Amino acid sequence: IEVFMITYILGILLVIGFYLLGEAVQVVLLPWLPGSMIGMVLLFVVFVIFGERLVRWVKEGAELFISYLPLFFVPVTVGVLQYEHLVSWFGLSFFALLFISSLFVMMFVAIMMDRKAGGSSCG
């Protein structure tokens, strides 16, 4: 296995490891919080503590996940189609919430990308 493949594998294993750690914490301590969110917060705390050293390891695996991100939306779409009776029951409020939350995510990503590029989107 080549060196770049090892960095991809290590990055993916770290992300999955923190996800599983978050799931374990959720089962034991915080059943009302999603385990994936707990894992993400734990990963952030570790990034703050260890800084650039760990970020370099996770970056390759995270970029691989991001390149295949559209595939992660397929199960969500299938789930919505499977439970169409719930979608039709909630109707317009469901789609309004979906639209507003997507808008917030797009604005947040645009601001973060602008900051990363060195610009200032807020003035």
PDB file of N, CA and C in Angstrom:
ATOM      1  N   ILE A   1       0.862  -1.179   0.000  1.00  0.00           N
ATOM      2  CA  ILE A   1       0.000   0.000   0.000  1.00  0.00           C
ATOM      3  C   ILE A   1       0.900   1.230   0.000  1.00  0.00           C
ATOM      4  N   GLU A   2       0.551   2.169  -0.855  1.00  0.00           N
ATOM      5  CA  GLU A   2       1.365   3.376  -0.953  1.00  0.00           C
ATOM      6  C   GLU A   2       1.074   4.323   0.202  1.00  0.00           C
ATOM      7  N   VAL A   3       1.968   5.288   0.384  1.00  0.00           N
ATOM      8  CA  VAL A   3       1.887   6.197   1.526  1.00  0.00           C
ATOM      9  C   VAL A   3       0.607   7.023   1.492  1.00  0.00           C
ATOM     10  N   PHE A   4       0.203   7.518   0.317  1.00  0.00           N
ATOM     11  CA  PHE A   4      -0.998   8.359   0.271  1.00  0.00           C
ATOM     12  C   PHE A   4      -2.249   7.559   0.611  1.00  0.00           C
ATOM     13  N   MET A   5      -2.250   6.264   0.297  1.00  0.00           N
ATOM     14  CA  MET A   5      -3.397   5.430   0.665  1.00  0.00           C
ATOM     15  C   MET A   5      -3.475   5.247   2.175  1.00  0.00           C
ATOM     16  N   ILE A   6      -2.322   5.146   2.819  1.00  0.00           N
ATOM     17  CA  ILE A   6      -2.300   4.993   4.275  1.00  0.00           C
ATOM     18  C   ILE A   6      -2.857   6.243   4.943  1.00  0.00           C
ATOM     19  N   THR A   7      -2.526   7.429   4.412  1.00  0.00           N
ATOM     20  CA  THR A   7      -3.062   8.658   5.009  1.00  0.00           C
ATOM     21  C   THR A   7      -4.575   8.737   4.826  1.00  0.00           C
ATOM     22  N   TYR A   8      -5.076   8.306   3.662  1.00  0.00           N
ATOM     23  CA  TYR A   8      -6.527   8.264   3.467  1.00  0.00           C
ATOM     24  C   TYR A   8      -7.179   7.321   4.471  1.00  0.00           C
ATOM     25  N   ILE A   9      -6.607   6.141   4.606  1.00  0.00           N
ATOM     26  CA  ILE A   9      -7.184   5.136   5.502  1.00  0.00           C
ATOM     27  C   ILE A   9      -7.146   5.612   6.950  1.00  0.00           C
ATOM     28  N   LEU A  10      -6.025   6.196   7.375  1.00  0.00           N
ATOM     29  CA  LEU A  10      -5.928   6.703   8.748  1.00  0.00           C
ATOM     30  C   LEU A  10      -6.935   7.820   9.002  1.00  0.00           C
ATOM     31  N   GLY A  11      -7.076   8.720   8.040  1.00  0.00           N
ATOM     32  CA  GLY A  11      -8.044   9.809   8.192  1.00  0.00           C
ATOM     33  C   GLY A  11      -9.464   9.298   8.309  1.00  0.00           C
ATOM     34  N   ILE A  12      -9.815   8.341   7.462  1.00  0.00           N
ATOM     35  CA  ILE A  12     -11.161   7.778   7.503  1.00  0.00           C
ATOM     36  C   ILE A  12     -11.388   7.023   8.809  1.00  0.00           C
ATOM     37  N   LEU A  13     -10.379   6.260   9.243  1.00  0.00           N
ATOM     38  CA  LEU A  13     -10.511   5.522  10.499  1.00  0.00           C
ATOM     39  C   LEU A  13     -10.653   6.458  11.693  1.00  0.00           C
ATOM     40  N   LEU A  14      -9.948   7.589  11.677  1.00  0.00           N
ATOM     41  CA  LEU A  14     -10.094   8.559  12.764  1.00  0.00           C
ATOM     42  C   LEU A  14     -11.502   9.146  12.800  1.00  0.00           C
ATOM     43  N   VAL A  15     -12.025   9.511  11.639  1.00  0.00           N
ATOM     44  CA  VAL A  15     -13.378  10.073  11.586  1.00  0.00           C
ATOM     45  C   VAL A  15     -14.401   9.036  12.054  1.00  0.00           C
ATOM     46  N   ILE A  16     -14.273   7.810  11.563  1.00  0.00           N
ATOM     47  CA  ILE A  16     -15.197   6.752  11.975  1.00  0.00           C
ATOM     48  C   ILE A  16     -15.039   6.447  13.461  1.00  0.00           C
ATOM     49  N   GLY A  17     -13.804   6.469  13.946  1.00  0.00           N
ATOM     50  CA  GLY A  17     -13.564   6.224  15.366  1.00  0.00           C
ATOM     51  C   GLY A  17     -14.243   7.245  16.255  1.00  0.00           C
ATOM     52  N   PHE A  18     -14.158   8.524  15.878  1.00  0.00           N
ATOM     53  CA  PHE A  18     -14.822   9.551  16.677  1.00  0.00           C
ATOM     54  C   PHE A  18     -16.340   9.451  16.556  1.00  0.00           C
ATOM     55  N   TYR A  19     -16.821   9.034  15.401  1.00  0.00           N
ATOM     56  CA  TYR A  19     -18.258   8.793  15.259  1.00  0.00           C
ATOM     57  C   TYR A  19     -18.712   7.692  16.222  1.00  0.00           C
ATOM     58  N   LEU A  20     -17.966   6.585  16.245  1.00  0.00           N
ATOM     59  CA  LEU A  20     -18.325   5.473  17.132  1.00  0.00           C
ATOM     60  C   LEU A  20     -18.185   5.857  18.599  1.00  0.00           C
ATOM     61  N   LEU A  21     -17.174   6.649  18.922  1.00  0.00           N
ATOM     62  CA  LEU A  21     -17.016   7.135  20.290  1.00  0.00           C
ATOM     63  C   LEU A  21     -18.208   8.006  20.692  1.00  0.00           C
ATOM     64  N   GLY A  22     -18.646   8.858  19.773  1.00  0.00           N
ATOM     65  CA  GLY A  22     -19.827   9.680  20.035  1.00  0.00           C
ATOM     66  C   GLY A  22     -21.078   8.844  20.228  1.00  0.00           C
ATOM     67  N   GLU A  23     -21.216   7.785  19.439  1.00  0.00           N
ATOM     68  CA  GLU A  23     -22.365   6.890  19.601  1.00  0.00           C
ATOM     69  C   GLU A  23     -22.331   6.206  20.966  1.00  0.00           C
ATOM     70  N   ALA A  24     -21.140   5.799  21.408  1.00  0.00           N
ATOM     71  CA  ALA A  24     -21.013   5.147  22.717  1.00  0.00           C
ATOM     72  C   ALA A  24     -21.356   6.116  23.849  1.00  0.00           C
ATOM     73  N   VAL A  25     -20.866   7.346  23.741  1.00  0.00           N
ATOM     74  CA  VAL A  25     -21.183   8.354  24.761  1.00  0.00           C
ATOM     75  C   VAL A  25     -22.683   8.624  24.777  1.00  0.00           C
ATOM     76  N   GLN A  26     -23.293   8.644  23.610  1.00  0.00           N
ATOM     77  CA  GLN A  26     -24.729   8.892  23.522  1.00  0.00           C
ATOM     78  C   GLN A  26     -25.526   7.793  24.208  1.00  0.00           C
ATOM     79  N   VAL A  27     -25.147   6.558  24.005  1.00  0.00           N
ATOM     80  CA  VAL A  27     -25.872   5.440  24.612  1.00  0.00           C
ATOM     81  C   VAL A  27     -25.738   5.473  26.131  1.00  0.00           C
ATOM     82  N   VAL A  28     -24.542   5.799  26.628  1.00  0.00           N
ATOM     83  CA  VAL A  28     -24.285   5.732  28.063  1.00  0.00           C
ATOM     84  C   VAL A  28     -24.752   6.987  28.798  1.00  0.00           C
ATOM     85  N   LEU A  29     -24.467   8.171  28.239  1.00  0.00           N
ATOM     86  CA  LEU A  29     -24.668   9.406  28.992  1.00  0.00           C
ATOM     87  C   LEU A  29     -25.740  10.347  28.458  1.00  0.00           C
ATOM     88  N   LEU A  30     -25.818  10.506  27.153  1.00  0.00           N
ATOM     89  CA  LEU A  30     -26.661  11.559  26.574  1.00  0.00           C
ATOM     90  C   LEU A  30     -27.618  10.992  25.528  1.00  0.00           C
ATOM     91  N   PRO A  31     -28.659  10.283  25.932  1.00  0.00           N
ATOM     92  CA  PRO A  31     -29.532   9.648  24.939  1.00  0.00           C
ATOM     93  C   PRO A  31     -30.343  10.632  24.095  1.00  0.00           C
ATOM     94  N   TRP A  32     -30.445  11.875  24.492  1.00  0.00           N
ATOM     95  CA  TRP A  32     -31.242  12.848  23.747  1.00  0.00           C
ATOM     96  C   TRP A  32     -30.428  13.560  22.663  1.00  0.00           C
ATOM     97  N   LEU A  33     -29.113  13.382  22.654  1.00  0.00           N
ATOM     98  CA  LEU A  33     -28.255  14.004  21.645  1.00  0.00           C
ATOM     99  C   LEU A  33     -27.816  12.964  20.624  1.00  0.00           C
ATOM    100  N   PRO A  34     -27.773  13.316  19.347  1.00  0.00           N
ATOM    101  CA  PRO A  34     -27.282  12.357  18.348  1.00  0.00           C
ATOM    102  C   PRO A  34     -25.804  12.043  18.572  1.00  0.00           C
ATOM    103  N   GLY A  35     -25.464  10.773  18.463  1.00  0.00           N
ATOM    104  CA  GLY A  35     -24.089  10.348  18.669  1.00  0.00           C
ATOM    105  C   GLY A  35     -23.118  10.950  17.671  1.00  0.00           C
ATOM    106  N   SER A  36     -23.580  11.176  16.449  1.00  0.00           N
ATOM    107  CA  SER A  36     -22.697  11.778  15.447  1.00  0.00           C
ATOM    108  C   SER A  36     -22.313  13.203  15.832  1.00  0.00           C
ATOM    109  N   MET A  37     -23.241  13.934  16.435  1.00  0.00           N
ATOM    110  CA  MET A  37     -22.921  15.296  16.882  1.00  0.00           C
ATOM    111  C   MET A  37     -21.938  15.274  18.047  1.00  0.00           C
ATOM    112  N   ILE A  38     -22.119  14.336  18.961  1.00  0.00           N
ATOM    113  CA  ILE A  38     -21.190  14.210  20.084  1.00  0.00           C
ATOM    114  C   ILE A  38     -19.797  13.875  19.566  1.00  0.00           C
ATOM    115  N   GLY A  39     -19.720  12.951  18.619  1.00  0.00           N
ATOM    116  CA  GLY A  39     -18.436  12.591  18.031  1.00  0.00           C
ATOM    117  C   GLY A  39     -17.773  13.762  17.338  1.00  0.00           C
ATOM    118  N   MET A  40     -18.576  14.601  16.660  1.00  0.00           N
ATOM    119  CA  MET A  40     -18.021  15.763  15.982  1.00  0.00           C
ATOM    120  C   MET A  40     -17.467  16.770  16.986  1.00  0.00           C
ATOM    121  N   VAL A  41     -18.173  16.962  18.090  1.00  0.00           N
ATOM    122  CA  VAL A  41     -17.687  17.871  19.133  1.00  0.00           C
ATOM    123  C   VAL A  41     -16.402  17.323  19.756  1.00  0.00           C
ATOM    124  N   LEU A  42     -16.360  16.017  20.010  1.00  0.00           N
ATOM    125  CA  LEU A  42     -15.145  15.410  20.555  1.00  0.00           C
ATOM    126  C   LEU A  42     -13.968  15.562  19.592  1.00  0.00           C
ATOM    127  N   LEU A  43     -14.218  15.371  18.298  1.00  0.00           N
ATOM    128  CA  LEU A  43     -13.160  15.549  17.301  1.00  0.00           C
ATOM    129  C   LEU A  43     -12.674  16.991  17.282  1.00  0.00           C
ATOM    130  N   PHE A  44     -13.597  17.944  17.398  1.00  0.00           N
ATOM    131  CA  PHE A  44     -13.220  19.355  17.444  1.00  0.00           C
ATOM    132  C   PHE A  44     -12.347  19.651  18.659  1.00  0.00           C
ATOM    133  N   VAL A  45     -12.720  19.093  19.811  1.00  0.00           N
ATOM    134  CA  VAL A  45     -11.927  19.303  21.033  1.00  0.00           C
ATOM    135  C   VAL A  45     -10.520  18.746  20.855  1.00  0.00           C
ATOM    136  N   VAL A  46     -10.418  17.580  20.252  1.00  0.00           N
ATOM    137  CA  VAL A  46      -9.094  16.995  20.013  1.00  0.00           C
ATOM    138  C   VAL A  46      -8.308  17.851  19.025  1.00  0.00           C
ATOM    139  N   PHE A  47      -8.974  18.411  18.016  1.00  0.00           N
ATOM    140  CA  PHE A  47      -8.290  19.320  17.082  1.00  0.00           C
ATOM    141  C   PHE A  47      -7.747  20.538  17.808  1.00  0.00           C
ATOM    142  N   VAL A  48      -8.541  21.092  18.714  1.00  0.00           N
ATOM    143  CA  VAL A  48      -8.102  22.269  19.467  1.00  0.00           C
ATOM    144  C   VAL A  48      -6.890  21.919  20.330  1.00  0.00           C
ATOM    145  N   ILE A  49      -6.899  20.742  20.929  1.00  0.00           N
ATOM    146  CA  ILE A  49      -5.798  20.352  21.814  1.00  0.00           C
ATOM    147  C   ILE A  49      -4.529  20.033  21.027  1.00  0.00           C
ATOM    148  N   PHE A  50      -4.638  19.231  19.980  1.00  0.00           N
ATOM    149  CA  PHE A  50      -3.452  18.758  19.267  1.00  0.00           C
ATOM    150  C   PHE A  50      -3.086  19.581  18.045  1.00  0.00           C
ATOM    151  N   GLY A  51      -3.975  20.436  17.583  1.00  0.00           N
ATOM    152  CA  GLY A  51      -3.658  21.362  16.507  1.00  0.00           C
ATOM    153  C   GLY A  51      -3.381  20.708  15.169  1.00  0.00           C
ATOM    154  N   GLU A  52      -2.393  21.266  14.468  1.00  0.00           N
ATOM    155  CA  GLU A  52      -2.104  20.901  13.082  1.00  0.00           C
ATOM    156  C   GLU A  52      -1.703  19.444  12.887  1.00  0.00           C
ATOM    157  N   ARG A  53      -1.088  18.840  13.875  1.00  0.00           N
ATOM    158  CA  ARG A  53      -0.609  17.463  13.696  1.00  0.00           C
ATOM    159  C   ARG A  53      -1.750  16.511  13.351  1.00  0.00           C
ATOM    160  N   LEU A  54      -2.841  16.607  14.075  1.00  0.00           N
ATOM    161  CA  LEU A  54      -3.969  15.712  13.828  1.00  0.00           C
ATOM    162  C   LEU A  54      -4.771  16.148  12.602  1.00  0.00           C
ATOM    163  N   VAL A  55      -4.837  17.443  12.371  1.00  0.00           N
ATOM    164  CA  VAL A  55      -5.592  17.942  11.215  1.00  0.00           C
ATOM    165  C   VAL A  55      -5.000  17.387   9.929  1.00  0.00           C
ATOM    166  N   ARG A  56      -3.681  17.315   9.839  1.00  0.00           N
ATOM    167  CA  ARG A  56      -3.045  16.782   8.630  1.00  0.00           C
ATOM    168  C   ARG A  56      -3.447  15.333   8.383  1.00  0.00           C
ATOM    169  N   TRP A  57      -3.616  14.563   9.431  1.00  0.00           N
ATOM    170  CA  TRP A  57      -4.003  13.162   9.264  1.00  0.00           C
ATOM    171  C   TRP A  57      -5.441  13.029   8.790  1.00  0.00           C
ATOM    172  N   VAL A  58      -6.311  13.823   9.358  1.00  0.00           N
ATOM    173  CA  VAL A  58      -7.738  13.693   9.056  1.00  0.00           C
ATOM    174  C   VAL A  58      -8.094  14.368   7.734  1.00  0.00           C
ATOM    175  N   LYS A  59      -7.318  15.340   7.316  1.00  0.00           N
ATOM    176  CA  LYS A  59      -7.651  16.140   6.133  1.00  0.00           C
ATOM    177  C   LYS A  59      -7.827  15.276   4.884  1.00  0.00           C
ATOM    178  N   GLU A  60      -6.922  14.351   4.652  1.00  0.00           N
ATOM    179  CA  GLU A  60      -7.007  13.515   3.446  1.00  0.00           C
ATOM    180  C   GLU A  60      -8.287  12.679   3.432  1.00  0.00           C
ATOM    181  N   GLY A  61      -8.588  12.038   4.547  1.00  0.00           N
ATOM    182  CA  GLY A  61      -9.805  11.231   4.623  1.00  0.00           C
ATOM    183  C   GLY A  61     -11.064  12.068   4.520  1.00  0.00           C
ATOM    184  N   ALA A  62     -11.043  13.255   5.133  1.00  0.00           N
ATOM    185  CA  ALA A  62     -12.209  14.140   5.074  1.00  0.00           C
ATOM    186  C   ALA A  62     -12.438  14.637   3.650  1.00  0.00           C
ATOM    187  N   GLU A  63     -11.359  14.951   2.941  1.00  0.00           N
ATOM    188  CA  GLU A  63     -11.513  15.390   1.550  1.00  0.00           C
ATOM    189  C   GLU A  63     -12.073  14.271   0.682  1.00  0.00           C
ATOM    190  N   LEU A  64     -11.696  13.040   0.987  1.00  0.00           N
ATOM    191  CA  LEU A  64     -12.261  11.907   0.251  1.00  0.00           C
ATOM    192  C   LEU A  64     -13.760  11.785   0.521  1.00  0.00           C
ATOM    193  N   PHE A  65     -14.172  11.945   1.788  1.00  0.00           N
ATOM    194  CA  PHE A  65     -15.598  11.934   2.122  1.00  0.00           C
ATOM    195  C   PHE A  65     -16.334  13.044   1.377  1.00  0.00           C
ATOM    196  N   ILE A  66     -15.757  14.236   1.354  1.00  0.00           N
ATOM    197  CA  ILE A  66     -16.412  15.374   0.712  1.00  0.00           C
ATOM    198  C   ILE A  66     -16.555  15.148  -0.787  1.00  0.00           C
ATOM    199  N   SER A  67     -15.572  14.498  -1.401  1.00  0.00           N
ATOM    200  CA  SER A  67     -15.671  14.261  -2.842  1.00  0.00           C
ATOM    201  C   SER A  67     -16.825  13.316  -3.182  1.00  0.00           C
ATOM    202  N   TYR A  68     -17.206  12.460  -2.246  1.00  0.00           N
ATOM    203  CA  TYR A  68     -18.323  11.545  -2.464  1.00  0.00           C
ATOM    204  C   TYR A  68     -19.576  11.971  -1.711  1.00  0.00           C
ATOM    205  N   LEU A  69     -19.634  13.208  -1.268  1.00  0.00           N
ATOM    206  CA  LEU A  69     -20.747  13.701  -0.463  1.00  0.00           C
ATOM    207  C   LEU A  69     -22.121  13.526  -1.114  1.00  0.00           C
ATOM    208  N   PRO A  70     -22.277  13.759  -2.417  1.00  0.00           N
ATOM    209  CA  PRO A  70     -23.621  13.570  -2.995  1.00  0.00           C
ATOM    210  C   PRO A  70     -24.178  12.160  -2.800  1.00  0.00           C
ATOM    211  N   LEU A  71     -23.312  11.166  -2.727  1.00  0.00           N
ATOM    212  CA  LEU A  71     -23.797   9.801  -2.515  1.00  0.00           C
ATOM    213  C   LEU A  71     -24.414   9.616  -1.136  1.00  0.00           C
ATOM    214  N   PHE A  72     -23.996  10.443  -0.160  1.00  0.00           N
ATOM    215  CA  PHE A  72     -24.547  10.326   1.183  1.00  0.00           C
ATOM    216  C   PHE A  72     -25.989  10.829   1.254  1.00  0.00           C
ATOM    217  N   PHE A  73     -26.438  11.580   0.257  1.00  0.00           N
ATOM    218  CA  PHE A  73     -27.807  12.079   0.258  1.00  0.00           C
ATOM    219  C   PHE A  73     -28.797  11.076  -0.319  1.00  0.00           C
ATOM    220  N   VAL A  74     -28.315  10.032  -0.970  1.00  0.00           N
ATOM    221  CA  VAL A  74     -29.209   9.039  -1.562  1.00  0.00           C
ATOM    222  C   VAL A  74     -30.067   8.355  -0.498  1.00  0.00           C
ATOM    223  N   PRO A  75     -29.505   7.869   0.628  1.00  0.00           N
ATOM    224  CA  PRO A  75     -30.377   7.242   1.638  1.00  0.00           C
ATOM    225  C   PRO A  75     -31.423   8.195   2.207  1.00  0.00           C
ATOM    226  N   VAL A  76     -31.067   9.466   2.347  1.00  0.00           N
ATOM    227  CA  VAL A  76     -32.029  10.444   2.863  1.00  0.00           C
ATOM    228  C   VAL A  76     -33.188  10.593   1.884  1.00  0.00           C
ATOM    229  N   THR A  77     -32.873  10.673   0.611  1.00  0.00           N
ATOM    230  CA  THR A  77     -33.908  10.814  -0.408  1.00  0.00           C
ATOM    231  C   THR A  77     -34.806   9.584  -0.433  1.00  0.00           C
ATOM    232  N   VAL A  78     -34.206   8.416  -0.344  1.00  0.00           N
ATOM    233  CA  VAL A  78     -34.996   7.184  -0.323  1.00  0.00           C
ATOM    234  C   VAL A  78     -35.886   7.150   0.920  1.00  0.00           C
ATOM    235  N   GLY A  79     -35.364   7.610   2.053  1.00  0.00           N
ATOM    236  CA  GLY A  79     -36.162   7.655   3.277  1.00  0.00           C
ATOM    237  C   GLY A  79     -37.353   8.578   3.148  1.00  0.00           C
ATOM    238  N   VAL A  80     -37.143   9.726   2.517  1.00  0.00           N
ATOM    239  CA  VAL A  80     -38.254  10.662   2.313  1.00  0.00           C
ATOM    240  C   VAL A  80     -39.299  10.036   1.401  1.00  0.00           C
ATOM    241  N   LEU A  81     -38.857   9.343   0.353  1.00  0.00           N
ATOM    242  CA  LEU A  81     -39.808   8.703  -0.545  1.00  0.00           C
ATOM    243  C   LEU A  81     -40.536   7.551   0.146  1.00  0.00           C
ATOM    244  N   GLN A  82     -39.854   6.867   1.053  1.00  0.00           N
ATOM    245  CA  GLN A  82     -40.479   5.747   1.749  1.00  0.00           C
ATOM    246  C   GLN A  82     -41.566   6.223   2.711  1.00  0.00           C
ATOM    247  N   TYR A  83     -41.371   7.379   3.311  1.00  0.00           N
ATOM    248  CA  TYR A  83     -42.336   7.907   4.277  1.00  0.00           C
ATOM    249  C   TYR A  83     -43.078   9.110   3.702  1.00  0.00           C
ATOM    250  N   GLU A  84     -43.512   8.994   2.475  1.00  0.00           N
ATOM    251  CA  GLU A  84     -44.177  10.118   1.824  1.00  0.00           C
ATOM    252  C   GLU A  84     -45.468  10.518   2.524  1.00  0.00           C
ATOM    253  N   HIS A  85     -46.107   9.599   3.226  1.00  0.00           N
ATOM    254  CA  HIS A  85     -47.340   9.954   3.940  1.00  0.00           C
ATOM    255  C   HIS A  85     -47.051  10.969   5.046  1.00  0.00           C
ATOM    256  N   LEU A  86     -45.879  10.875   5.687  1.00  0.00           N
ATOM    257  CA  LEU A  86     -45.518  11.869   6.698  1.00  0.00           C
ATOM    258  C   LEU A  86     -45.208  13.216   6.059  1.00  0.00           C
ATOM    259  N   VAL A  87     -44.530  13.167   4.911  1.00  0.00           N
ATOM    260  CA  VAL A  87     -44.199  14.411   4.215  1.00  0.00           C
ATOM    261  C   VAL A  87     -45.471  15.108   3.774  1.00  0.00           C
ATOM    262  N   SER A  88     -46.420  14.359   3.244  1.00  0.00           N
ATOM    263  CA  SER A  88     -47.667  14.986   2.804  1.00  0.00           C
ATOM    264  C   SER A  88     -48.501  15.454   3.995  1.00  0.00           C
ATOM    265  N   TRP A  89     -48.356  14.789   5.148  1.00  0.00           N
ATOM    266  CA  TRP A  89     -49.115  15.181   6.329  1.00  0.00           C
ATOM    267  C   TRP A  89     -48.597  16.500   6.890  1.00  0.00           C
ATOM    268  N   PHE A  90     -47.282  16.667   6.937  1.00  0.00           N
ATOM    269  CA  PHE A  90     -46.719  17.924   7.434  1.00  0.00           C
ATOM    270  C   PHE A  90     -46.748  19.003   6.362  1.00  0.00           C
ATOM    271  N   GLY A  91     -46.744  18.595   5.126  1.00  0.00           N
ATOM    272  CA  GLY A  91     -46.937  19.488   4.001  1.00  0.00           C
ATOM    273  C   GLY A  91     -45.975  20.640   3.888  1.00  0.00           C
ATOM    274  N   LEU A  92     -46.552  21.830   3.767  1.00  0.00           N
ATOM    275  CA  LEU A  92     -45.785  23.030   3.472  1.00  0.00           C
ATOM    276  C   LEU A  92     -44.787  23.374   4.573  1.00  0.00           C
ATOM    277  N   SER A  93     -45.139  23.146   5.820  1.00  0.00           N
ATOM    278  CA  SER A  93     -44.218  23.478   6.914  1.00  0.00           C
ATOM    279  C   SER A  93     -42.945  22.646   6.836  1.00  0.00           C
ATOM    280  N   PHE A  94     -43.056  21.398   6.411  1.00  0.00           N
ATOM    281  CA  PHE A  94     -41.880  20.540   6.256  1.00  0.00           C
ATOM    282  C   PHE A  94     -40.940  21.103   5.195  1.00  0.00           C
ATOM    283  N   PHE A  95     -41.484  21.470   4.054  1.00  0.00           N
ATOM    284  CA  PHE A  95     -40.639  21.989   2.984  1.00  0.00           C
ATOM    285  C   PHE A  95     -40.108  23.382   3.298  1.00  0.00           C
ATOM    286  N   ALA A  96     -40.863  24.184   4.033  1.00  0.00           N
ATOM    287  CA  ALA A  96     -40.356  25.492   4.455  1.00  0.00           C
ATOM    288  C   ALA A  96     -39.172  25.324   5.396  1.00  0.00           C
ATOM    289  N   LEU A  97     -39.280  24.407   6.335  1.00  0.00           N
ATOM    290  CA  LEU A  97     -38.173  24.130   7.249  1.00  0.00           C
ATOM    291  C   LEU A  97     -36.962  23.601   6.492  1.00  0.00           C
ATOM    292  N   LEU A  98     -37.189  22.724   5.544  1.00  0.00           N
ATOM    293  CA  LEU A  98     -36.108  22.181   4.722  1.00  0.00           C
ATOM    294  C   LEU A  98     -35.419  23.284   3.927  1.00  0.00           C
ATOM    295  N   PHE A  99     -36.200  24.182   3.344  1.00  0.00           N
ATOM    296  CA  PHE A  99     -35.642  25.279   2.557  1.00  0.00           C
ATOM    297  C   PHE A  99     -34.843  26.242   3.432  1.00  0.00           C
ATOM    298  N   ILE A 100     -35.398  26.623   4.570  1.00  0.00           N
ATOM    299  CA  ILE A 100     -34.722  27.585   5.455  1.00  0.00           C
ATOM    300  C   ILE A 100     -33.432  26.995   6.013  1.00  0.00           C
ATOM    301  N   SER A 101     -33.460  25.736   6.437  1.00  0.00           N
ATOM    302  CA  SER A 101     -32.238  25.132   6.972  1.00  0.00           C
ATOM    303  C   SER A 101     -31.183  24.988   5.885  1.00  0.00           C
ATOM    304  N   SER A 102     -31.578  24.651   4.668  1.00  0.00           N
ATOM    305  CA  SER A 102     -30.615  24.576   3.561  1.00  0.00           C
ATOM    306  C   SER A 102     -30.030  25.946   3.259  1.00  0.00           C
ATOM    307  N   LEU A 103     -30.847  26.975   3.340  1.00  0.00           N
ATOM    308  CA  LEU A 103     -30.367  28.335   3.109  1.00  0.00           C
ATOM    309  C   LEU A 103     -29.326  28.737   4.151  1.00  0.00           C
ATOM    310  N   PHE A 104     -29.594  28.412   5.422  1.00  0.00           N
ATOM    311  CA  PHE A 104     -28.621  28.714   6.474  1.00  0.00           C
ATOM    312  C   PHE A 104     -27.307  27.971   6.251  1.00  0.00           C
ATOM    313  N   VAL A 105     -27.390  26.712   5.858  1.00  0.00           N
ATOM    314  CA  VAL A 105     -26.171  25.936   5.605  1.00  0.00           C
ATOM    315  C   VAL A 105     -25.386  26.543   4.450  1.00  0.00           C
ATOM    316  N   MET A 106     -26.065  26.918   3.379  1.00  0.00           N
ATOM    317  CA  MET A 106     -25.370  27.522   2.238  1.00  0.00           C
ATOM    318  C   MET A 106     -24.721  28.844   2.617  1.00  0.00           C
ATOM    319  N   MET A 107     -25.414  29.664   3.421  1.00  0.00           N
ATOM    320  CA  MET A 107     -24.825  30.937   3.850  1.00  0.00           C
ATOM    321  C   MET A 107     -23.605  30.695   4.730  1.00  0.00           C
ATOM    322  N   PHE A 108     -23.693  29.738   5.650  1.00  0.00           N
ATOM    323  CA  PHE A 108     -22.572  29.435   6.533  1.00  0.00           C
ATOM    324  C   PHE A 108     -21.365  28.948   5.732  1.00  0.00           C
ATOM    325  N   VAL A 109     -21.594  28.047   4.794  1.00  0.00           N
ATOM    326  CA  VAL A 109     -20.493  27.535   3.975  1.00  0.00           C
ATOM    327  C   VAL A 109     -19.896  28.652   3.129  1.00  0.00           C
ATOM    328  N   ALA A 110     -20.727  29.533   2.583  1.00  0.00           N
ATOM    329  CA  ALA A 110     -20.213  30.648   1.785  1.00  0.00           C
ATOM    330  C   ALA A 110     -19.346  31.577   2.628  1.00  0.00           C
ATOM    331  N   ILE A 111     -19.771  31.870   3.848  1.00  0.00           N
ATOM    332  CA  ILE A 111     -18.982  32.737   4.735  1.00  0.00           C
ATOM    333  C   ILE A 111     -17.658  32.069   5.083  1.00  0.00           C
ATOM    334  N   MET A 112     -17.695  30.780   5.403  1.00  0.00           N
ATOM    335  CA  MET A 112     -16.460  30.069   5.761  1.00  0.00           C
ATOM    336  C   MET A 112     -15.501  29.996   4.575  1.00  0.00           C
ATOM    337  N   MET A 113     -16.017  29.735   3.393  1.00  0.00           N
ATOM    338  CA  MET A 113     -15.154  29.669   2.208  1.00  0.00           C
ATOM    339  C   MET A 113     -14.579  31.037   1.881  1.00  0.00           C
ATOM    340  N   ASP A 114     -15.370  32.089   2.083  1.00  0.00           N
ATOM    341  CA  ASP A 114     -14.883  33.440   1.843  1.00  0.00           C
ATOM    342  C   ASP A 114     -13.770  33.791   2.821  1.00  0.00           C
ATOM    343  N   ARG A 115     -13.941  33.409   4.076  1.00  0.00           N
ATOM    344  CA  ARG A 115     -12.888  33.662   5.070  1.00  0.00           C
ATOM    345  C   ARG A 115     -11.630  32.876   4.745  1.00  0.00           C
ATOM    346  N   LYS A 116     -11.801  31.643   4.292  1.00  0.00           N
ATOM    347  CA  LYS A 116     -10.648  30.816   3.945  1.00  0.00           C
ATOM    348  C   LYS A 116      -9.900  31.409   2.754  1.00  0.00           C
ATOM    349  N   ALA A 117     -10.642  32.022   1.830  1.00  0.00           N
ATOM    350  CA  ALA A 117     -10.020  32.637   0.659  1.00  0.00           C
ATOM    351  C   ALA A 117      -9.395  33.986   0.987  1.00  0.00           C
ATOM    352  N   GLY A 118      -9.669  34.512   2.177  1.00  0.00           N
ATOM    353  CA  GLY A 118      -9.059  35.771   2.584  1.00  0.00           C
ATOM    354  C   GLY A 118      -9.930  36.984   2.396  1.00  0.00           C
ATOM    355  N   GLY A 119     -11.151  36.801   1.938  1.00  0.00           N
ATOM    356  CA  GLY A 119     -12.054  37.933   1.745  1.00  0.00           C
ATOM    357  C   GLY A 119     -12.871  38.199   2.986  1.00  0.00           C
ATOM    358  N   SER A 120     -13.820  39.121   2.860  1.00  0.00           N
ATOM    359  CA  SER A 120     -14.715  39.428   3.969  1.00  0.00           C
ATOM    360  C   SER A 120     -16.113  39.596   3.417  1.00  0.00           C
ATOM    361  N   SER A 121     -16.996  38.642   3.697  1.00  0.00           N
ATOM    362  CA  SER A 121     -18.349  38.702   3.152  1.00  0.00           C
ATOM    363  C   SER A 121     -19.269  39.586   3.977  1.00  0.00           C
ATOM    364  N   CYS A 122     -18.809  40.021   5.158  1.00  0.00           N
ATOM    365  CA  CYS A 122     -19.672  40.804   6.044  1.00  0.00           C
ATOM    366  C   CYS A 122     -19.377  42.293   5.976  1.00  0.00           C
ATOM    367  N   GLY A 123     -18.673  42.745   4.995  1.00  0.00           N
ATOM    368  CA  GLY A 123     -18.446  44.170   4.927  1.00  0.00           C
ATOM    369  C   GLY A 123     -17.125  44.452   4.461  1.00  0.00           C
TER     370      GLY A 123
END
